[in-house]
Amino acid sequence: MKTEKPDVRKLWTLFQTCFVISACTFGGGMVIISMLQKKFVEELHWIDQDEVMDMIAIAQSCPGVMAVNTSIIIGYRIAGILGGLLTVLGTVTPPMIILTIISAFYMQFRSNLVIALILKGMQAGVAAVMINVTITMTRNVVQDGEIPSWIMLIGACFAAVVLDIDIILILIVCGVIGGISTWVRYRSSAANTGIDSPTDNQENDRKEHSGK
């Protein structure tokens, strides 16, 4: 049985994209994720926006660096295990090289006025990119016009900004609410269309087997 050979150009694009973005992007995970979104969703069209939102939610809920987690998921989604390995390699290599150089000359960098001013200017750019990411993600969450999405969005913002509740707890609560909402919607849809839910199908199978 022949196995399909991996697309070398696609693998190289994955590694090259993650390497360049990681090497040239300042400001942390959300900034890098916005660049990955523009590349793989808007330019290459390899994944869609809804998938990116799901990937970001999974990456933020898992331990580790958010940008690395997201790159692994994107690479695996596009090219399997090899794609995930290449994307994580492309993401972590530039910071490792840059931080190694900076740590060797830390005192010189710290006391250099020009570098301090450059970093100060980068902060403004990072803030602008993060605002853009926030607007884009918010638009994708509320574009369906569903009331639960609006309530969870406002509630999560209030809990994080005003009440200073831990983000992990907010994610868990929103995940539970989203799961319950989806289950209720599925049950309602199944009842209206006469389609048995998975639970009903399992119960019917048990009855059939017990009757034999």
N, C-alpha and C. Protein backbone atom coordinates (compact mmCIF):
# COMPACT_ATOMS: atom_id res chain seq x y z
N MET A 1 0.84 -1.20 0.00
CA MET A 1 0.00 0.00 0.00
C MET A 1 0.88 1.24 0.00
N LYS A 2 0.70 2.11 -0.96
CA LYS A 2 1.53 3.29 -1.08
C LYS A 2 1.01 4.40 -0.19
N THR A 3 1.94 5.09 0.46
CA THR A 3 1.57 6.24 1.27
C THR A 3 1.80 7.51 0.48
N GLU A 4 0.93 8.48 0.68
CA GLU A 4 1.03 9.73 -0.05
C GLU A 4 2.23 10.53 0.44
N LYS A 5 3.06 10.98 -0.49
CA LYS A 5 4.24 11.75 -0.13
C LYS A 5 3.82 13.15 0.33
N PRO A 6 4.47 13.65 1.36
CA PRO A 6 4.11 14.99 1.83
C PRO A 6 4.48 16.05 0.80
N ASP A 7 3.71 17.09 0.73
CA ASP A 7 3.96 18.20 -0.17
C ASP A 7 5.13 19.02 0.39
N VAL A 8 6.29 18.92 -0.29
CA VAL A 8 7.49 19.57 0.21
C VAL A 8 7.32 21.08 0.22
N ARG A 9 6.68 21.62 -0.81
CA ARG A 9 6.48 23.07 -0.87
C ARG A 9 5.58 23.57 0.26
N LYS A 10 4.55 22.79 0.58
CA LYS A 10 3.66 23.17 1.67
C LYS A 10 4.39 23.11 3.00
N LEU A 11 5.20 22.07 3.19
CA LEU A 11 5.97 21.95 4.42
C LEU A 11 6.97 23.10 4.56
N TRP A 12 7.63 23.45 3.44
CA TRP A 12 8.58 24.56 3.48
C TRP A 12 7.86 25.87 3.77
N THR A 13 6.67 26.05 3.20
CA THR A 13 5.90 27.27 3.46
C THR A 13 5.52 27.37 4.93
N LEU A 14 5.13 26.24 5.52
CA LEU A 14 4.79 26.23 6.95
C LEU A 14 5.99 26.66 7.80
N PHE A 15 7.13 26.03 7.55
CA PHE A 15 8.32 26.36 8.34
C PHE A 15 8.77 27.80 8.10
N GLN A 16 8.83 28.20 6.84
CA GLN A 16 9.30 29.54 6.50
C GLN A 16 8.40 30.61 7.09
N THR A 17 7.09 30.41 6.98
CA THR A 17 6.14 31.39 7.49
C THR A 17 6.29 31.57 9.00
N CYS A 18 6.30 30.45 9.72
CA CYS A 18 6.42 30.53 11.18
C CYS A 18 7.77 31.11 11.59
N PHE A 19 8.83 30.79 10.87
CA PHE A 19 10.16 31.30 11.20
C PHE A 19 10.21 32.82 11.01
N VAL A 20 9.72 33.29 9.86
CA VAL A 20 9.78 34.73 9.56
C VAL A 20 8.88 35.51 10.52
N ILE A 21 7.67 35.01 10.75
CA ILE A 21 6.75 35.71 11.65
C ILE A 21 7.32 35.77 13.06
N SER A 22 7.85 34.65 13.54
CA SER A 22 8.40 34.61 14.89
C SER A 22 9.63 35.50 15.03
N ALA A 23 10.42 35.61 13.95
CA ALA A 23 11.64 36.41 14.00
C ALA A 23 11.36 37.91 13.91
N CYS A 24 10.27 38.28 13.25
CA CYS A 24 10.03 39.70 12.97
C CYS A 24 8.85 40.28 13.75
N THR A 25 8.25 39.51 14.65
CA THR A 25 7.07 39.97 15.37
C THR A 25 7.40 40.15 16.84
N PHE A 26 7.03 41.31 17.38
CA PHE A 26 7.23 41.61 18.79
C PHE A 26 5.87 41.81 19.44
N GLY A 27 5.77 41.40 20.71
CA GLY A 27 4.54 41.66 21.44
C GLY A 27 3.84 40.45 21.98
N GLY A 28 4.40 39.26 21.81
CA GLY A 28 3.81 38.09 22.43
C GLY A 28 2.89 37.31 21.52
N GLY A 29 2.16 36.36 22.15
CA GLY A 29 1.37 35.38 21.41
C GLY A 29 0.28 35.95 20.55
N MET A 30 -0.49 36.92 21.06
CA MET A 30 -1.61 37.44 20.30
C MET A 30 -1.16 38.13 19.02
N VAL A 31 0.00 38.79 19.07
CA VAL A 31 0.50 39.46 17.86
C VAL A 31 0.91 38.44 16.82
N ILE A 32 1.62 37.40 17.25
CA ILE A 32 2.05 36.34 16.32
C ILE A 32 0.84 35.63 15.73
N ILE A 33 -0.16 35.38 16.58
CA ILE A 33 -1.37 34.70 16.10
C ILE A 33 -2.08 35.53 15.04
N SER A 34 -2.09 36.84 15.20
CA SER A 34 -2.73 37.69 14.19
C SER A 34 -2.01 37.59 12.85
N MET A 35 -0.68 37.47 12.89
CA MET A 35 0.08 37.31 11.66
C MET A 35 -0.16 35.94 11.03
N LEU A 36 -0.22 34.91 11.86
CA LEU A 36 -0.53 33.56 11.35
C LEU A 36 -1.91 33.54 10.71
N GLN A 37 -2.86 34.25 11.32
CA GLN A 37 -4.21 34.32 10.77
C GLN A 37 -4.21 34.98 9.39
N LYS A 38 -3.51 36.09 9.27
CA LYS A 38 -3.47 36.79 7.98
C LYS A 38 -2.83 35.94 6.89
N LYS A 39 -1.80 35.17 7.29
CA LYS A 39 -1.09 34.36 6.31
C LYS A 39 -1.89 33.14 5.87
N PHE A 40 -2.33 32.34 6.84
CA PHE A 40 -2.95 31.05 6.52
C PHE A 40 -4.44 31.16 6.19
N VAL A 41 -5.11 32.21 6.68
CA VAL A 41 -6.54 32.36 6.41
C VAL A 41 -6.78 33.29 5.24
N GLU A 42 -6.22 34.50 5.30
CA GLU A 42 -6.53 35.51 4.31
C GLU A 42 -5.70 35.39 3.04
N GLU A 43 -4.46 34.95 3.18
CA GLU A 43 -3.59 34.89 2.01
C GLU A 43 -3.56 33.51 1.35
N LEU A 44 -3.28 32.46 2.14
CA LEU A 44 -3.16 31.12 1.57
C LEU A 44 -4.49 30.37 1.52
N HIS A 45 -5.44 30.75 2.36
CA HIS A 45 -6.76 30.11 2.43
C HIS A 45 -6.66 28.62 2.74
N TRP A 46 -5.72 28.23 3.58
CA TRP A 46 -5.56 26.84 3.98
C TRP A 46 -6.51 26.45 5.10
N ILE A 47 -6.90 27.41 5.92
CA ILE A 47 -7.88 27.19 6.98
C ILE A 47 -8.84 28.37 7.00
N ASP A 48 -10.00 28.19 7.63
CA ASP A 48 -10.96 29.30 7.67
C ASP A 48 -10.95 29.97 9.04
N GLN A 49 -11.66 31.07 9.12
CA GLN A 49 -11.63 31.91 10.31
C GLN A 49 -12.19 31.20 11.54
N ASP A 50 -13.26 30.42 11.34
CA ASP A 50 -13.85 29.71 12.46
C ASP A 50 -12.87 28.71 13.07
N GLU A 51 -12.09 28.05 12.20
CA GLU A 51 -11.09 27.11 12.69
C GLU A 51 -10.02 27.82 13.51
N VAL A 52 -9.61 29.01 13.06
CA VAL A 52 -8.61 29.77 13.80
C VAL A 52 -9.13 30.11 15.19
N MET A 53 -10.39 30.51 15.28
CA MET A 53 -10.97 30.82 16.58
C MET A 53 -10.94 29.61 17.50
N ASP A 54 -11.28 28.44 16.96
CA ASP A 54 -11.24 27.22 17.76
C ASP A 54 -9.81 26.89 18.17
N MET A 55 -8.86 27.06 17.25
CA MET A 55 -7.46 26.77 17.56
C MET A 55 -6.92 27.69 18.66
N ILE A 56 -7.29 28.97 18.59
CA ILE A 56 -6.84 29.92 19.61
C ILE A 56 -7.42 29.55 20.97
N ALA A 57 -8.69 29.14 20.99
CA ALA A 57 -9.32 28.75 22.25
C ALA A 57 -8.61 27.53 22.85
N ILE A 58 -8.29 26.55 22.00
CA ILE A 58 -7.60 25.35 22.48
C ILE A 58 -6.19 25.71 22.95
N ALA A 59 -5.48 26.52 22.16
CA ALA A 59 -4.11 26.89 22.50
C ALA A 59 -4.04 27.66 23.81
N GLN A 60 -5.01 28.55 24.03
CA GLN A 60 -5.00 29.36 25.25
C GLN A 60 -5.41 28.53 26.46
N SER A 61 -6.15 27.46 26.24
CA SER A 61 -6.60 26.62 27.34
C SER A 61 -5.55 25.59 27.75
N CYS A 62 -4.57 25.36 26.90
CA CYS A 62 -3.55 24.35 27.17
C CYS A 62 -2.31 24.97 27.81
N PRO A 63 -1.56 24.18 28.57
CA PRO A 63 -0.32 24.70 29.15
C PRO A 63 0.70 25.05 28.06
N GLY A 64 1.58 25.96 28.38
CA GLY A 64 2.62 26.33 27.43
C GLY A 64 2.41 27.68 26.81
N VAL A 65 3.32 28.01 25.90
CA VAL A 65 3.28 29.31 25.22
C VAL A 65 2.18 29.29 24.18
N MET A 66 1.33 30.31 24.18
CA MET A 66 0.16 30.35 23.32
C MET A 66 0.54 30.31 21.84
N ALA A 67 1.57 31.09 21.45
CA ALA A 67 1.97 31.14 20.04
C ALA A 67 2.47 29.78 19.56
N VAL A 68 3.23 29.09 20.40
CA VAL A 68 3.74 27.77 20.05
C VAL A 68 2.60 26.76 19.95
N ASN A 69 1.69 26.80 20.92
CA ASN A 69 0.54 25.89 20.88
C ASN A 69 -0.27 26.08 19.60
N THR A 70 -0.51 27.34 19.24
CA THR A 70 -1.29 27.62 18.04
C THR A 70 -0.57 27.15 16.78
N SER A 71 0.73 27.38 16.71
CA SER A 71 1.49 26.96 15.53
C SER A 71 1.48 25.44 15.38
N ILE A 72 1.54 24.73 16.52
CA ILE A 72 1.48 23.26 16.46
C ILE A 72 0.15 22.81 15.89
N ILE A 73 -0.94 23.40 16.37
CA ILE A 73 -2.27 23.01 15.91
C ILE A 73 -2.43 23.32 14.42
N ILE A 74 -1.98 24.50 14.00
CA ILE A 74 -2.09 24.88 12.59
C ILE A 74 -1.27 23.93 11.71
N GLY A 75 -0.02 23.65 12.13
CA GLY A 75 0.82 22.75 11.35
C GLY A 75 0.25 21.36 11.24
N TYR A 76 -0.28 20.85 12.36
CA TYR A 76 -0.87 19.51 12.35
C TYR A 76 -2.13 19.48 11.49
N ARG A 77 -2.93 20.55 11.56
CA ARG A 77 -4.16 20.62 10.77
C ARG A 77 -3.86 20.62 9.28
N ILE A 78 -2.77 21.26 8.88
CA ILE A 78 -2.46 21.40 7.46
C ILE A 78 -1.66 20.22 6.91
N ALA A 79 -0.67 19.74 7.69
CA ALA A 79 0.25 18.71 7.15
C ALA A 79 0.56 17.60 8.13
N GLY A 80 -0.29 17.37 9.10
CA GLY A 80 -0.11 16.24 9.99
C GLY A 80 1.02 16.45 10.99
N ILE A 81 1.57 15.34 11.48
CA ILE A 81 2.59 15.39 12.52
C ILE A 81 3.83 16.14 12.05
N LEU A 82 4.27 15.86 10.83
CA LEU A 82 5.45 16.55 10.30
C LEU A 82 5.22 18.05 10.21
N GLY A 83 4.03 18.45 9.81
CA GLY A 83 3.70 19.88 9.76
C GLY A 83 3.74 20.51 11.13
N GLY A 84 3.24 19.80 12.15
CA GLY A 84 3.30 20.32 13.51
C GLY A 84 4.72 20.48 14.01
N LEU A 85 5.58 19.51 13.69
CA LEU A 85 6.98 19.60 14.11
C LEU A 85 7.69 20.77 13.43
N LEU A 86 7.42 20.97 12.15
CA LEU A 86 8.08 22.06 11.43
C LEU A 86 7.61 23.43 11.90
N THR A 87 6.32 23.55 12.17
CA THR A 87 5.83 24.85 12.61
C THR A 87 6.36 25.21 14.00
N VAL A 88 6.42 24.23 14.90
CA VAL A 88 6.95 24.53 16.23
C VAL A 88 8.45 24.82 16.16
N LEU A 89 9.16 24.14 15.25
CA LEU A 89 10.58 24.43 15.07
C LEU A 89 10.78 25.83 14.51
N GLY A 90 9.96 26.21 13.55
CA GLY A 90 10.06 27.54 12.97
C GLY A 90 9.67 28.63 13.96
N THR A 91 8.79 28.30 14.91
CA THR A 91 8.34 29.31 15.88
C THR A 91 9.35 29.53 17.00
N VAL A 92 9.97 28.47 17.49
CA VAL A 92 10.85 28.60 18.66
C VAL A 92 12.29 28.93 18.30
N THR A 93 12.71 28.65 17.06
CA THR A 93 14.12 28.87 16.71
C THR A 93 14.53 30.34 16.75
N PRO A 94 13.79 31.28 16.12
CA PRO A 94 14.21 32.69 16.16
C PRO A 94 14.32 33.27 17.57
N PRO A 95 13.31 33.07 18.46
CA PRO A 95 13.48 33.60 19.81
C PRO A 95 14.68 33.00 20.54
N MET A 96 14.92 31.72 20.31
CA MET A 96 16.05 31.08 20.97
C MET A 96 17.37 31.72 20.53
N ILE A 97 17.51 32.00 19.25
CA ILE A 97 18.74 32.62 18.74
C ILE A 97 18.85 34.06 19.24
N ILE A 98 17.73 34.81 19.13
CA ILE A 98 17.76 36.23 19.53
C ILE A 98 18.04 36.38 21.02
N LEU A 99 17.36 35.57 21.85
CA LEU A 99 17.57 35.67 23.30
C LEU A 99 18.97 35.23 23.71
N THR A 100 19.53 34.29 22.98
CA THR A 100 20.90 33.88 23.28
C THR A 100 21.87 35.02 23.04
N ILE A 101 21.66 35.74 21.93
CA ILE A 101 22.53 36.89 21.63
C ILE A 101 22.32 38.02 22.63
N ILE A 102 21.05 38.30 22.93
CA ILE A 102 20.76 39.40 23.86
C ILE A 102 21.31 39.09 25.25
N SER A 103 21.16 37.85 25.71
CA SER A 103 21.65 37.51 27.05
C SER A 103 23.16 37.66 27.15
N ALA A 104 23.86 37.44 26.04
CA ALA A 104 25.32 37.58 26.06
C ALA A 104 25.75 39.05 26.16
N PHE A 105 24.89 39.95 25.67
CA PHE A 105 25.22 41.38 25.69
C PHE A 105 24.13 42.16 26.45
N TYR A 106 23.60 41.55 27.51
CA TYR A 106 22.45 42.14 28.20
C TYR A 106 22.76 43.53 28.75
N MET A 107 23.88 43.69 29.42
CA MET A 107 24.20 44.97 30.04
C MET A 107 24.37 46.07 29.00
N GLN A 108 24.96 45.73 27.84
CA GLN A 108 25.13 46.71 26.78
C GLN A 108 23.78 47.11 26.20
N PHE A 109 22.88 46.14 26.01
CA PHE A 109 21.55 46.45 25.49
C PHE A 109 20.76 47.29 26.49
N ARG A 110 20.88 46.95 27.77
CA ARG A 110 20.09 47.63 28.78
C ARG A 110 20.45 49.11 28.90
N SER A 111 21.71 49.43 28.75
CA SER A 111 22.17 50.81 28.93
C SER A 111 22.20 51.61 27.63
N ASN A 112 21.81 50.98 26.51
CA ASN A 112 21.86 51.67 25.23
C ASN A 112 20.58 52.48 25.02
N LEU A 113 20.72 53.79 24.87
CA LEU A 113 19.55 54.67 24.73
C LEU A 113 18.80 54.41 23.43
N VAL A 114 19.53 54.16 22.35
CA VAL A 114 18.89 53.93 21.05
C VAL A 114 18.00 52.70 21.10
N ILE A 115 18.50 51.61 21.66
CA ILE A 115 17.71 50.38 21.76
C ILE A 115 16.50 50.60 22.65
N ALA A 116 16.68 51.35 23.74
CA ALA A 116 15.55 51.65 24.62
C ALA A 116 14.45 52.42 23.88
N LEU A 117 14.84 53.38 23.05
CA LEU A 117 13.86 54.14 22.28
C LEU A 117 13.18 53.27 21.21
N ILE A 118 13.96 52.38 20.59
CA ILE A 118 13.38 51.46 19.60
C ILE A 118 12.31 50.59 20.25
N LEU A 119 12.62 50.01 21.41
CA LEU A 119 11.66 49.17 22.11
C LEU A 119 10.43 49.97 22.54
N LYS A 120 10.64 51.23 22.91
CA LYS A 120 9.51 52.08 23.29
C LYS A 120 8.58 52.30 22.09
N GLY A 121 9.18 52.51 20.92
CA GLY A 121 8.36 52.68 19.72
C GLY A 121 7.62 51.41 19.35
N MET A 122 8.27 50.26 19.58
CA MET A 122 7.62 48.98 19.27
C MET A 122 6.38 48.76 20.12
N GLN A 123 6.38 49.29 21.33
CA GLN A 123 5.22 49.11 22.20
C GLN A 123 3.96 49.70 21.58
N ALA A 124 4.09 50.84 20.93
CA ALA A 124 2.93 51.45 20.27
C ALA A 124 2.43 50.57 19.13
N GLY A 125 3.36 50.01 18.35
CA GLY A 125 2.97 49.12 17.26
C GLY A 125 2.30 47.86 17.77
N VAL A 126 2.84 47.30 18.86
CA VAL A 126 2.26 46.10 19.45
C VAL A 126 0.84 46.38 19.93
N ALA A 127 0.63 47.53 20.58
CA ALA A 127 -0.71 47.88 21.05
C ALA A 127 -1.70 47.98 19.89
N ALA A 128 -1.26 48.57 18.78
CA ALA A 128 -2.15 48.70 17.61
C ALA A 128 -2.52 47.34 17.04
N VAL A 129 -1.54 46.44 16.95
CA VAL A 129 -1.80 45.10 16.41
C VAL A 129 -2.76 44.34 17.32
N MET A 130 -2.57 44.46 18.64
CA MET A 130 -3.43 43.75 19.57
C MET A 130 -4.86 44.29 19.53
N ILE A 131 -5.01 45.59 19.33
CA ILE A 131 -6.35 46.16 19.18
C ILE A 131 -7.01 45.61 17.92
N ASN A 132 -6.24 45.50 16.84
CA ASN A 132 -6.77 44.95 15.60
C ASN A 132 -7.21 43.50 15.77
N VAL A 133 -6.40 42.71 16.50
CA VAL A 133 -6.75 41.31 16.76
C VAL A 133 -8.03 41.23 17.59
N THR A 134 -8.13 42.09 18.60
CA THR A 134 -9.31 42.09 19.46
C THR A 134 -10.58 42.40 18.67
N ILE A 135 -10.50 43.40 17.79
CA ILE A 135 -11.66 43.77 16.97
C ILE A 135 -12.05 42.62 16.05
N THR A 136 -11.05 42.00 15.42
CA THR A 136 -11.32 40.90 14.49
C THR A 136 -11.96 39.71 15.20
N MET A 137 -11.41 39.32 16.35
CA MET A 137 -11.94 38.19 17.08
C MET A 137 -13.33 38.49 17.62
N THR A 138 -13.55 39.72 18.10
CA THR A 138 -14.88 40.08 18.60
C THR A 138 -15.91 40.03 17.49
N ARG A 139 -15.54 40.52 16.31
CA ARG A 139 -16.47 40.50 15.18
C ARG A 139 -16.87 39.08 14.82
N ASN A 140 -15.91 38.15 14.86
CA ASN A 140 -16.21 36.77 14.51
C ASN A 140 -17.06 36.07 15.56
N VAL A 141 -16.94 36.51 16.82
CA VAL A 141 -17.73 35.89 17.88
C VAL A 141 -19.18 36.34 17.81
N VAL A 142 -19.44 37.62 17.56
CA VAL A 142 -20.80 38.17 17.66
C VAL A 142 -21.49 38.31 16.31
N GLN A 143 -20.81 37.91 15.22
CA GLN A 143 -21.43 38.12 13.91
C GLN A 143 -22.66 37.24 13.70
N ASP A 144 -22.77 36.13 14.47
CA ASP A 144 -23.96 35.29 14.32
C ASP A 144 -25.18 35.91 14.98
N GLY A 145 -24.97 36.96 15.81
CA GLY A 145 -26.08 37.67 16.42
C GLY A 145 -26.78 36.92 17.54
N GLU A 146 -26.18 35.82 18.04
CA GLU A 146 -26.81 35.04 19.09
C GLU A 146 -26.61 35.72 20.45
N ILE A 147 -27.68 35.76 21.24
CA ILE A 147 -27.64 36.41 22.54
C ILE A 147 -26.62 35.76 23.48
N PRO A 148 -26.54 34.42 23.57
CA PRO A 148 -25.54 33.81 24.47
C PRO A 148 -24.11 34.25 24.17
N SER A 149 -23.78 34.43 22.89
CA SER A 149 -22.43 34.86 22.54
C SER A 149 -22.15 36.26 23.08
N TRP A 150 -23.12 37.15 22.95
CA TRP A 150 -22.96 38.51 23.48
C TRP A 150 -22.83 38.48 25.00
N ILE A 151 -23.68 37.69 25.65
CA ILE A 151 -23.65 37.63 27.12
C ILE A 151 -22.30 37.11 27.61
N MET A 152 -21.80 36.02 26.99
CA MET A 152 -20.52 35.45 27.42
C MET A 152 -19.37 36.41 27.15
N LEU A 153 -19.41 37.11 26.02
CA LEU A 153 -18.36 38.07 25.69
C LEU A 153 -18.30 39.20 26.71
N ILE A 154 -19.46 39.81 26.98
CA ILE A 154 -19.51 40.91 27.95
C ILE A 154 -19.15 40.42 29.35
N GLY A 155 -19.69 39.26 29.72
CA GLY A 155 -19.41 38.72 31.04
C GLY A 155 -17.94 38.38 31.23
N ALA A 156 -17.32 37.80 30.19
CA ALA A 156 -15.90 37.45 30.27
C ALA A 156 -15.03 38.70 30.38
N CYS A 157 -15.37 39.74 29.62
CA CYS A 157 -14.61 41.00 29.69
C CYS A 157 -14.75 41.63 31.08
N PHE A 158 -15.96 41.63 31.61
CA PHE A 158 -16.20 42.22 32.93
C PHE A 158 -15.44 41.44 34.01
N ALA A 159 -15.48 40.10 33.90
CA ALA A 159 -14.80 39.27 34.90
C ALA A 159 -13.28 39.45 34.85
N ALA A 160 -12.73 39.59 33.65
CA ALA A 160 -11.28 39.70 33.51
C ALA A 160 -10.78 41.09 33.86
N VAL A 161 -11.49 42.13 33.41
CA VAL A 161 -11.00 43.50 33.57
C VAL A 161 -11.39 44.09 34.92
N VAL A 162 -12.64 43.93 35.30
CA VAL A 162 -13.14 44.58 36.51
C VAL A 162 -12.92 43.72 37.75
N LEU A 163 -13.31 42.44 37.68
CA LEU A 163 -13.20 41.56 38.84
C LEU A 163 -11.85 40.89 38.96
N ASP A 164 -11.04 40.97 37.92
CA ASP A 164 -9.69 40.39 37.92
C ASP A 164 -9.71 38.90 38.24
N ILE A 165 -10.66 38.20 37.64
CA ILE A 165 -10.77 36.74 37.82
C ILE A 165 -9.76 36.05 36.91
N ASP A 166 -9.21 34.94 37.38
CA ASP A 166 -8.21 34.21 36.61
C ASP A 166 -8.78 33.77 35.26
N ILE A 167 -7.96 33.93 34.21
CA ILE A 167 -8.42 33.64 32.85
C ILE A 167 -8.78 32.17 32.67
N ILE A 168 -8.10 31.26 33.39
CA ILE A 168 -8.40 29.83 33.28
C ILE A 168 -9.82 29.56 33.75
N LEU A 169 -10.20 30.16 34.87
CA LEU A 169 -11.56 29.98 35.38
C LEU A 169 -12.60 30.53 34.40
N ILE A 170 -12.29 31.68 33.80
CA ILE A 170 -13.20 32.27 32.80
C ILE A 170 -13.37 31.32 31.61
N LEU A 171 -12.27 30.75 31.13
CA LEU A 171 -12.33 29.82 29.99
C LEU A 171 -13.14 28.58 30.33
N ILE A 172 -12.94 28.06 31.55
CA ILE A 172 -13.67 26.86 31.95
C ILE A 172 -15.17 27.14 32.00
N VAL A 173 -15.54 28.26 32.63
CA VAL A 173 -16.95 28.60 32.75
C VAL A 173 -17.58 28.82 31.37
N CYS A 174 -16.89 29.57 30.50
CA CYS A 174 -17.42 29.81 29.15
C CYS A 174 -17.51 28.51 28.36
N GLY A 175 -16.53 27.62 28.55
CA GLY A 175 -16.57 26.33 27.86
C GLY A 175 -17.76 25.49 28.29
N VAL A 176 -18.03 25.47 29.59
CA VAL A 176 -19.17 24.71 30.10
C VAL A 176 -20.48 25.29 29.57
N ILE A 177 -20.58 26.63 29.62
CA ILE A 177 -21.80 27.28 29.12
C ILE A 177 -21.98 27.00 27.63
N GLY A 178 -20.88 27.10 26.86
CA GLY A 178 -20.97 26.83 25.43
C GLY A 178 -21.36 25.38 25.14
N GLY A 179 -20.82 24.45 25.93
CA GLY A 179 -21.17 23.04 25.74
C GLY A 179 -22.63 22.77 26.04
N ILE A 180 -23.12 23.33 27.14
CA ILE A 180 -24.53 23.15 27.49
C ILE A 180 -25.44 23.79 26.44
N SER A 181 -25.07 25.00 25.99
CA SER A 181 -25.88 25.67 24.98
C SER A 181 -25.95 24.87 23.68
N THR A 182 -24.80 24.31 23.28
CA THR A 182 -24.77 23.49 22.06
C THR A 182 -25.61 22.24 22.22
N TRP A 183 -25.51 21.60 23.40
CA TRP A 183 -26.28 20.38 23.64
C TRP A 183 -27.78 20.66 23.62
N VAL A 184 -28.20 21.77 24.26
CA VAL A 184 -29.62 22.14 24.27
C VAL A 184 -30.10 22.45 22.86
N ARG A 185 -29.27 23.17 22.09
CA ARG A 185 -29.65 23.50 20.72
C ARG A 185 -29.77 22.24 19.87
N TYR A 186 -28.86 21.29 20.08
CA TYR A 186 -28.91 20.05 19.31
C TYR A 186 -30.15 19.24 19.66
N ARG A 187 -30.45 19.15 20.96
CA ARG A 187 -31.63 18.40 21.39
C ARG A 187 -32.90 19.02 20.82
N SER A 188 -32.95 20.36 20.84
CA SER A 188 -34.13 21.05 20.32
C SER A 188 -34.28 20.82 18.82
N SER A 189 -33.15 20.89 18.11
CA SER A 189 -33.18 20.66 16.67
C SER A 189 -33.57 19.23 16.34
N ALA A 190 -33.04 18.27 17.13
CA ALA A 190 -33.37 16.86 16.89
C ALA A 190 -34.84 16.60 17.17
N ALA A 191 -35.39 17.26 18.20
CA ALA A 191 -36.80 17.07 18.52
C ALA A 191 -37.70 17.64 17.44
N ASN A 192 -37.31 18.77 16.87
CA ASN A 192 -38.13 19.41 15.84
C ASN A 192 -38.09 18.65 14.52
N THR A 193 -36.94 18.03 14.21
CA THR A 193 -36.80 17.33 12.93
C THR A 193 -37.06 15.84 13.05
N GLY A 194 -37.24 15.36 14.29
CA GLY A 194 -37.50 13.93 14.47
C GLY A 194 -36.26 13.08 14.37
N ILE A 195 -35.07 13.68 14.50
CA ILE A 195 -33.82 12.94 14.43
C ILE A 195 -33.40 12.57 15.83
N ASP A 196 -33.02 11.32 16.03
CA ASP A 196 -32.58 10.87 17.33
C ASP A 196 -31.20 11.41 17.63
N SER A 197 -31.01 11.84 18.86
CA SER A 197 -29.68 12.29 19.28
C SER A 197 -28.79 11.08 19.50
N PRO A 198 -27.47 11.25 19.64
CA PRO A 198 -26.57 10.13 19.90
C PRO A 198 -26.97 9.35 21.14
N THR A 199 -27.44 10.05 22.20
CA THR A 199 -27.85 9.36 23.42
C THR A 199 -29.06 8.47 23.17
N ASP A 200 -30.01 9.00 22.39
CA ASP A 200 -31.19 8.22 22.05
C ASP A 200 -30.83 7.00 21.22
N ASN A 201 -29.90 7.18 20.26
CA ASN A 201 -29.47 6.06 19.43
C ASN A 201 -28.82 4.97 20.27
N GLN A 202 -27.99 5.35 21.25
CA GLN A 202 -27.35 4.37 22.11
C GLN A 202 -28.39 3.63 22.94
N GLU A 203 -29.39 4.36 23.44
CA GLU A 203 -30.44 3.72 24.23
C GLU A 203 -31.24 2.74 23.39
N ASN A 204 -31.52 3.11 22.12
CA ASN A 204 -32.25 2.20 21.24
C ASN A 204 -31.45 0.95 20.94
N ASP A 205 -30.12 1.13 20.75
CA ASP A 205 -29.26 -0.04 20.50
C ASP A 205 -29.25 -0.99 21.67
N ARG A 206 -29.21 -0.44 22.91
CA ARG A 206 -29.22 -1.29 24.08
C ARG A 206 -30.54 -2.07 24.19
N LYS A 207 -31.64 -1.38 23.86
CA LYS A 207 -32.93 -2.08 23.92
C LYS A 207 -33.01 -3.22 22.90
N GLU A 208 -32.46 -2.95 21.68
CA GLU A 208 -32.48 -3.97 20.64
C GLU A 208 -31.66 -5.18 21.05
N HIS A 209 -30.46 -4.92 21.61
CA HIS A 209 -29.58 -6.02 22.01
C HIS A 209 -30.19 -6.79 23.19
N SER A 210 -30.86 -6.12 24.12
CA SER A 210 -31.44 -6.80 25.27
C SER A 210 -32.63 -7.64 24.86
N GLY A 211 -33.28 -7.28 23.74
CA GLY A 211 -34.44 -8.03 23.28
C GLY A 211 -34.09 -9.25 22.49
N LYS A 212 -32.83 -9.35 22.08
CA LYS A 212 -32.43 -10.52 21.28
C LYS A 212 -32.14 -11.72 22.18
